[in-house]
Amino acid sequence: MSRHGQARGKANLPEKICLACGRPFAWRKKWRACWEEVKTCSERCRGDLRRERRAQKNESA
């Protein structure tokens, strides 16, 4: 058990699939307040996703 009474190891952390690269990524402490909004595993993937969406938007316009 941790000092706060929660038994949570790395194997028990929640995971999501990155929308940009498709790989699974685990919860991080810095995301505790915004985990529901996290969509990508990294800043690089977030940028890739933005560029992809911007390109799609420009093609349709």
Protein backbone atom coordinates (compact mmCIF):
# COMPACT_ATOMS: atom_id res chain seq x y z
CA MET A 1 0.00 0.00 0.00
CA SER A 2 1.10 3.52 -0.64
CA ARG A 3 1.32 6.06 2.13
CA HIS A 4 -2.14 7.33 1.21
CA GLY A 5 -3.76 3.93 1.60
CA GLN A 6 -4.12 3.12 -2.08
CA ALA A 7 -2.64 -0.03 -3.51
CA ARG A 8 -1.86 1.04 -7.07
CA GLY A 9 1.18 -0.10 -8.96
CA LYS A 10 2.19 0.69 -12.50
CA ALA A 11 0.32 -2.37 -13.76
CA ASN A 12 -2.96 -1.07 -12.32
CA LEU A 13 -2.94 2.41 -13.91
CA PRO A 14 -5.73 3.26 -16.36
CA GLU A 15 -4.79 3.29 -20.04
CA LYS A 16 -6.01 4.93 -23.23
CA ILE A 17 -5.14 4.56 -26.90
CA CYS A 18 -3.42 7.56 -28.50
CA LEU A 19 -5.56 9.05 -31.28
CA ALA A 20 -2.46 10.03 -33.28
CA CYS A 21 -0.18 6.98 -33.14
CA GLY A 22 -2.58 4.27 -31.95
CA ARG A 23 -0.36 3.07 -29.10
CA PRO A 24 -1.59 2.57 -25.54
CA PHE A 25 -0.44 5.00 -22.87
CA ALA A 26 -0.95 5.02 -19.12
CA TRP A 27 -2.24 7.62 -16.69
CA ARG A 28 0.30 10.11 -15.36
CA LYS A 29 0.19 12.12 -12.17
CA LYS A 30 0.29 15.40 -14.12
CA TRP A 31 -2.95 14.36 -15.86
CA ARG A 32 -4.89 13.67 -12.64
CA ALA A 33 -7.10 16.77 -13.03
CA CYS A 34 -7.70 16.43 -16.78
CA TRP A 35 -7.48 12.69 -17.59
CA GLU A 36 -10.85 12.76 -19.35
CA GLU A 37 -9.58 15.40 -21.83
CA VAL A 38 -6.24 13.68 -22.60
CA LYS A 39 -6.35 12.26 -26.14
CA THR A 40 -2.68 11.77 -27.10
CA CYS A 41 0.36 10.21 -25.46
CA SER A 42 2.78 13.09 -26.06
CA GLU A 43 3.23 16.66 -27.26
CA ARG A 44 4.56 15.31 -30.56
CA CYS A 45 1.43 13.23 -31.16
CA ARG A 46 -0.74 16.19 -30.21
CA GLY A 47 1.05 18.29 -32.83
CA ASP A 48 0.73 15.52 -35.42
CA LEU A 49 -3.00 15.28 -34.74
CA ARG A 50 -3.43 19.06 -35.07
CA ARG A 51 -1.51 19.13 -38.36
CA GLU A 52 -3.59 16.24 -39.69
CA ARG A 53 -6.87 17.92 -38.76
CA ARG A 54 -5.70 21.25 -40.20
CA ALA A 55 -4.77 19.55 -43.49
CA GLN A 56 -8.20 17.87 -43.67
CA LYS A 57 -9.89 21.20 -42.98
CA ASN A 58 -7.90 22.90 -45.76
CA GLU A 59 -8.75 20.13 -48.24
CA SER A 60 -12.48 20.47 -47.64
CA ALA A 61 -12.46 24.30 -47.84
